Amino acid sequence: MSAALSKLNWRAIIGFELCWFLLVYFQQLAFWPVLAYLLYGLWRLVGTRRRLAVVIIALLGIAIDSALIQLDILSFALRDSLPLWFWLLWGVFALAVVELLADFLQKPWLAFVLGATGGPLSYIGGAALSGGVLSFPAGYVSYGVLALIWGGLAVLYGQSRRFYV
């Protein structure tokens, strides 16, 4: 067990969790330190395919969340679009997927279960910490839509890793 724990990319785990918290709690105030972390993580990645995977995953997430805003599944206070700090959150998440998470998502059924639970819980936690900036106008429908989308995304992330590893 300790050998498996020592092989984990602890910088990626702690870095993502810290960046997530900073962006959700402080939003734009955390922009520059988190951007520095993202650029450092991209610099540390070996291979153009891995960097390209980070960009594609981030852009896909930004596009999906932007569509969810237009469909009134997600809402940001006083905004009709995704705030810049949330774009950065997608970048940091994409980095974590490539560096760490895709390894855990190789079995499609497990990826779907982990994504369908972890994704919505992340949004719910983010809404609670954001001081009302993030909300769910469609109530429980929002949670169901997020669960289906995140389940599918997790399967996609796990299966796509063979293209950049």
C-alpha atoms as a PDB file:
ATOM      1  CA  MET A   1       0.000   0.000   0.000  1.00  0.00           C
ATOM      2  CA  SER A   2       2.740   2.488   0.856  1.00  0.00           C
ATOM      3  CA  ALA A   3       4.475   1.767  -2.483  1.00  0.00           C
ATOM      4  CA  ALA A   4       1.270   2.679  -4.330  1.00  0.00           C
ATOM      5  CA  LEU A   5       0.921   5.876  -2.298  1.00  0.00           C
ATOM      6  CA  SER A   6       4.510   6.871  -2.973  1.00  0.00           C
ATOM      7  CA  LYS A   7       3.906   6.558  -6.753  1.00  0.00           C
ATOM      8  CA  LEU A   8       1.063   9.092  -6.689  1.00  0.00           C
ATOM      9  CA  ASN A   9       1.743  12.520  -8.118  1.00  0.00           C
ATOM     10  CA  TRP A  10       1.280  14.402  -4.861  1.00  0.00           C
ATOM     11  CA  ARG A  11       2.101  17.762  -6.446  1.00  0.00           C
ATOM     12  CA  ALA A  12      -0.792  17.262  -8.877  1.00  0.00           C
ATOM     13  CA  ILE A  13      -3.203  16.149  -6.144  1.00  0.00           C
ATOM     14  CA  ILE A  14      -2.391  18.895  -3.656  1.00  0.00           C
ATOM     15  CA  GLY A  15      -1.920  21.514  -6.375  1.00  0.00           C
ATOM     16  CA  PHE A  16      -5.315  20.874  -7.934  1.00  0.00           C
ATOM     17  CA  GLU A  17      -7.161  20.800  -4.614  1.00  0.00           C
ATOM     18  CA  LEU A  18      -5.472  23.988  -3.435  1.00  0.00           C
ATOM     19  CA  CYS A  19      -6.138  25.771  -6.749  1.00  0.00           C
ATOM     20  CA  TRP A  20      -9.776  24.603  -6.726  1.00  0.00           C
ATOM     21  CA  PHE A  21     -10.279  25.968  -3.217  1.00  0.00           C
ATOM     22  CA  LEU A  22      -8.520  29.266  -3.945  1.00  0.00           C
ATOM     23  CA  LEU A  23     -10.482  29.895  -7.140  1.00  0.00           C
ATOM     24  CA  VAL A  24     -13.854  28.934  -5.692  1.00  0.00           C
ATOM     25  CA  TYR A  25     -13.397  30.869  -2.464  1.00  0.00           C
ATOM     26  CA  PHE A  26     -11.455  33.913  -3.675  1.00  0.00           C
ATOM     27  CA  GLN A  27     -12.426  33.793  -7.386  1.00  0.00           C
ATOM     28  CA  GLN A  28     -10.565  36.475  -9.379  1.00  0.00           C
ATOM     29  CA  LEU A  29      -8.320  37.348  -6.417  1.00  0.00           C
ATOM     30  CA  ALA A  30      -6.599  33.961  -6.827  1.00  0.00           C
ATOM     31  CA  PHE A  31      -6.178  34.332 -10.592  1.00  0.00           C
ATOM     32  CA  TRP A  32      -2.441  35.118 -10.793  1.00  0.00           C
ATOM     33  CA  PRO A  33      -1.103  32.513  -8.333  1.00  0.00           C
ATOM     34  CA  VAL A  34      -3.265  29.809  -9.909  1.00  0.00           C
ATOM     35  CA  LEU A  35      -2.228  30.855 -13.416  1.00  0.00           C
ATOM     36  CA  ALA A  36       1.409  30.562 -12.305  1.00  0.00           C
ATOM     37  CA  TYR A  37       0.716  27.032 -11.026  1.00  0.00           C
ATOM     38  CA  LEU A  38      -1.004  26.088 -14.308  1.00  0.00           C
ATOM     39  CA  LEU A  39       1.894  27.389 -16.385  1.00  0.00           C
ATOM     40  CA  TYR A  40       4.358  25.541 -14.147  1.00  0.00           C
ATOM     41  CA  GLY A  41       2.346  22.327 -14.548  1.00  0.00           C
ATOM     42  CA  LEU A  42       2.248  22.720 -18.327  1.00  0.00           C
ATOM     43  CA  TRP A  43       5.987  23.358 -18.368  1.00  0.00           C
ATOM     44  CA  ARG A  44       6.557  20.155 -16.346  1.00  0.00           C
ATOM     45  CA  LEU A  45       4.497  18.019 -18.735  1.00  0.00           C
ATOM     46  CA  VAL A  46       6.590  15.950 -21.077  1.00  0.00           C
ATOM     47  CA  GLY A  47       5.361  15.867 -24.649  1.00  0.00           C
ATOM     48  CA  THR A  48       3.302  18.055 -26.930  1.00  0.00           C
ATOM     49  CA  ARG A  49       0.404  15.564 -26.923  1.00  0.00           C
ATOM     50  CA  ARG A  50      -0.043  15.903 -23.177  1.00  0.00           C
ATOM     51  CA  ARG A  51      -0.077  19.703 -23.382  1.00  0.00           C
ATOM     52  CA  LEU A  52      -2.537  19.525 -26.267  1.00  0.00           C
ATOM     53  CA  ALA A  53      -4.734  17.173 -24.203  1.00  0.00           C
ATOM     54  CA  VAL A  54      -4.823  19.759 -21.390  1.00  0.00           C
ATOM     55  CA  VAL A  55      -5.929  22.472 -23.821  1.00  0.00           C
ATOM     56  CA  ILE A  56      -8.602  20.261 -25.420  1.00  0.00           C
ATOM     57  CA  ILE A  57     -10.001  19.091 -22.069  1.00  0.00           C
ATOM     58  CA  ALA A  58     -10.113  22.671 -20.761  1.00  0.00           C
ATOM     59  CA  LEU A  59     -11.823  24.009 -23.890  1.00  0.00           C
ATOM     60  CA  LEU A  60     -14.351  21.165 -23.854  1.00  0.00           C
ATOM     61  CA  GLY A  61     -15.208  21.898 -20.222  1.00  0.00           C
ATOM     62  CA  ILE A  62     -15.512  25.623 -20.857  1.00  0.00           C
ATOM     63  CA  ALA A  63     -17.814  24.959 -23.823  1.00  0.00           C
ATOM     64  CA  ILE A  64     -20.003  22.560 -21.832  1.00  0.00           C
ATOM     65  CA  ASP A  65     -20.310  24.874 -18.829  1.00  0.00           C
ATOM     66  CA  SER A  66     -21.041  27.819 -21.138  1.00  0.00           C
ATOM     67  CA  ALA A  67     -23.858  25.790 -22.711  1.00  0.00           C
ATOM     68  CA  LEU A  68     -25.156  24.841 -19.243  1.00  0.00           C
ATOM     69  CA  ILE A  69     -25.347  28.539 -18.367  1.00  0.00           C
ATOM     70  CA  GLN A  70     -27.360  29.248 -21.513  1.00  0.00           C
ATOM     71  CA  LEU A  71     -29.686  26.332 -20.637  1.00  0.00           C
ATOM     72  CA  ASP A  72     -30.157  27.645 -17.048  1.00  0.00           C
ATOM     73  CA  ILE A  73     -28.596  24.544 -15.520  1.00  0.00           C
ATOM     74  CA  LEU A  74     -25.805  26.631 -13.976  1.00  0.00           C
ATOM     75  CA  SER A  75     -25.796  30.304 -13.082  1.00  0.00           C
ATOM     76  CA  PHE A  76     -23.195  32.822 -11.962  1.00  0.00           C
ATOM     77  CA  ALA A  77     -24.375  35.881 -10.056  1.00  0.00           C
ATOM     78  CA  LEU A  78     -24.621  39.009 -12.194  1.00  0.00           C
ATOM     79  CA  ARG A  79     -23.167  37.214 -15.243  1.00  0.00           C
ATOM     80  CA  ASP A  80     -24.480  35.701 -18.454  1.00  0.00           C
ATOM     81  CA  SER A  81     -21.256  33.847 -19.152  1.00  0.00           C
ATOM     82  CA  LEU A  82     -18.532  31.849 -17.467  1.00  0.00           C
ATOM     83  CA  PRO A  83     -16.264  34.070 -15.338  1.00  0.00           C
ATOM     84  CA  LEU A  84     -12.562  34.132 -16.181  1.00  0.00           C
ATOM     85  CA  TRP A  85     -11.602  32.446 -12.915  1.00  0.00           C
ATOM     86  CA  PHE A  86     -13.816  29.484 -13.894  1.00  0.00           C
ATOM     87  CA  TRP A  87     -11.937  29.215 -17.210  1.00  0.00           C
ATOM     88  CA  LEU A  88      -8.753  28.959 -15.175  1.00  0.00           C
ATOM     89  CA  LEU A  89     -10.371  26.325 -12.963  1.00  0.00           C
ATOM     90  CA  TRP A  90     -11.014  24.248 -16.080  1.00  0.00           C
ATOM     91  CA  GLY A  91      -7.350  24.634 -17.057  1.00  0.00           C
ATOM     92  CA  VAL A  92      -6.153  23.410 -13.678  1.00  0.00           C
ATOM     93  CA  PHE A  93      -8.661  20.547 -13.757  1.00  0.00           C
ATOM     94  CA  ALA A  94      -7.511  19.552 -17.259  1.00  0.00           C
ATOM     95  CA  LEU A  95      -3.924  19.497 -16.009  1.00  0.00           C
ATOM     96  CA  ALA A  96      -4.982  17.211 -13.144  1.00  0.00           C
ATOM     97  CA  VAL A  97      -6.801  14.890 -15.571  1.00  0.00           C
ATOM     98  CA  VAL A  98      -3.712  14.479 -17.738  1.00  0.00           C
ATOM     99  CA  GLU A  99      -1.258  14.193 -14.855  1.00  0.00           C
ATOM    100  CA  LEU A 100      -3.288  11.989 -12.561  1.00  0.00           C
ATOM    101  CA  LEU A 101      -7.005  11.355 -12.922  1.00  0.00           C
ATOM    102  CA  ALA A 102      -7.098   9.608 -16.302  1.00  0.00           C
ATOM    103  CA  ASP A 103      -5.090   6.734 -14.782  1.00  0.00           C
ATOM    104  CA  PHE A 104      -7.979   6.034 -12.393  1.00  0.00           C
ATOM    105  CA  LEU A 105     -10.645   6.269 -15.103  1.00  0.00           C
ATOM    106  CA  GLN A 106      -9.584   3.436 -17.407  1.00  0.00           C
ATOM    107  CA  LYS A 107     -12.518   1.140 -16.556  1.00  0.00           C
ATOM    108  CA  PRO A 108     -15.574   2.767 -18.179  1.00  0.00           C
ATOM    109  CA  TRP A 109     -18.103   1.685 -15.539  1.00  0.00           C
ATOM    110  CA  LEU A 110     -15.891   2.949 -12.714  1.00  0.00           C
ATOM    111  CA  ALA A 111     -15.132   6.168 -14.594  1.00  0.00           C
ATOM    112  CA  PHE A 112     -18.852   6.819 -15.053  1.00  0.00           C
ATOM    113  CA  VAL A 113     -19.633   6.227 -11.366  1.00  0.00           C
ATOM    114  CA  LEU A 114     -16.728   8.394 -10.178  1.00  0.00           C
ATOM    115  CA  GLY A 115     -17.541  11.183 -12.633  1.00  0.00           C
ATOM    116  CA  ALA A 116     -21.290  11.107 -11.998  1.00  0.00           C
ATOM    117  CA  THR A 117     -20.724  11.510  -8.268  1.00  0.00           C
ATOM    118  CA  GLY A 118     -17.521  13.564  -8.038  1.00  0.00           C
ATOM    119  CA  GLY A 119     -18.377  16.098 -10.739  1.00  0.00           C
ATOM    120  CA  PRO A 120     -21.705  17.302  -9.308  1.00  0.00           C
ATOM    121  CA  LEU A 121     -20.341  17.195  -5.755  1.00  0.00           C
ATOM    122  CA  SER A 122     -17.535  19.508  -6.847  1.00  0.00           C
ATOM    123  CA  TYR A 123     -20.073  21.991  -8.214  1.00  0.00           C
ATOM    124  CA  ILE A 124     -22.224  21.719  -5.092  1.00  0.00           C
ATOM    125  CA  GLY A 125     -19.183  22.304  -2.874  1.00  0.00           C
ATOM    126  CA  GLY A 126     -18.122  25.168  -5.108  1.00  0.00           C
ATOM    127  CA  ALA A 127     -21.556  26.749  -4.852  1.00  0.00           C
ATOM    128  CA  ALA A 128     -21.428  26.501  -1.055  1.00  0.00           C
ATOM    129  CA  LEU A 129     -17.956  28.087  -0.855  1.00  0.00           C
ATOM    130  CA  SER A 130     -18.478  30.738  -3.530  1.00  0.00           C
ATOM    131  CA  GLY A 131     -20.757  32.899  -1.406  1.00  0.00           C
ATOM    132  CA  GLY A 132     -23.694  32.580  -3.782  1.00  0.00           C
ATOM    133  CA  VAL A 133     -21.740  33.296  -6.965  1.00  0.00           C
ATOM    134  CA  LEU A 134     -22.489  29.835  -8.400  1.00  0.00           C
ATOM    135  CA  SER A 135     -26.037  28.467  -8.238  1.00  0.00           C
ATOM    136  CA  PHE A 136     -28.342  25.871  -9.808  1.00  0.00           C
ATOM    137  CA  PRO A 137     -31.484  27.527 -11.254  1.00  0.00           C
ATOM    138  CA  ALA A 138     -33.023  24.189 -12.262  1.00  0.00           C
ATOM    139  CA  GLY A 139     -32.618  22.654  -8.781  1.00  0.00           C
ATOM    140  CA  TYR A 140     -32.457  18.870  -8.808  1.00  0.00           C
ATOM    141  CA  VAL A 141     -32.605  18.799 -12.604  1.00  0.00           C
ATOM    142  CA  SER A 142     -29.259  20.620 -12.576  1.00  0.00           C
ATOM    143  CA  TYR A 143     -27.751  17.878 -10.429  1.00  0.00           C
ATOM    144  CA  GLY A 144     -29.070  15.152 -12.727  1.00  0.00           C
ATOM    145  CA  VAL A 145     -27.761  16.875 -15.849  1.00  0.00           C
ATOM    146  CA  LEU A 146     -24.371  17.408 -14.192  1.00  0.00           C
ATOM    147  CA  ALA A 147     -24.238  13.739 -13.145  1.00  0.00           C
ATOM    148  CA  LEU A 148     -24.898  12.513 -16.691  1.00  0.00           C
ATOM    149  CA  ILE A 149     -22.441  14.938 -18.262  1.00  0.00           C
ATOM    150  CA  TRP A 150     -19.696  14.250 -15.742  1.00  0.00           C
ATOM    151  CA  GLY A 151     -20.195  10.509 -15.966  1.00  0.00           C
ATOM    152  CA  GLY A 152     -19.727  10.716 -19.724  1.00  0.00           C
ATOM    153  CA  LEU A 153     -16.757  13.073 -19.443  1.00  0.00           C
ATOM    154  CA  ALA A 154     -14.994  10.752 -17.005  1.00  0.00           C
ATOM    155  CA  VAL A 155     -15.378   7.835 -19.431  1.00  0.00           C
ATOM    156  CA  LEU A 156     -14.057  10.035 -22.235  1.00  0.00           C
ATOM    157  CA  TYR A 157     -11.082  11.166 -20.143  1.00  0.00           C
ATOM    158  CA  GLY A 158     -10.193   7.610 -19.179  1.00  0.00           C
ATOM    159  CA  GLN A 159     -10.459   6.254 -22.709  1.00  0.00           C
ATOM    160  CA  SER A 160      -8.693   9.186 -24.387  1.00  0.00           C
ATOM    161  CA  ARG A 161      -5.540   8.850 -22.282  1.00  0.00           C
ATOM    162  CA  ARG A 162      -4.134   6.312 -24.759  1.00  0.00           C
ATOM    163  CA  PHE A 163      -3.739   9.155 -27.279  1.00  0.00           C
ATOM    164  CA  TYR A 164      -1.383  11.201 -25.137  1.00  0.00           C
ATOM    165  CA  VAL A 165       0.353   8.755 -22.783  1.00  0.00           C
END
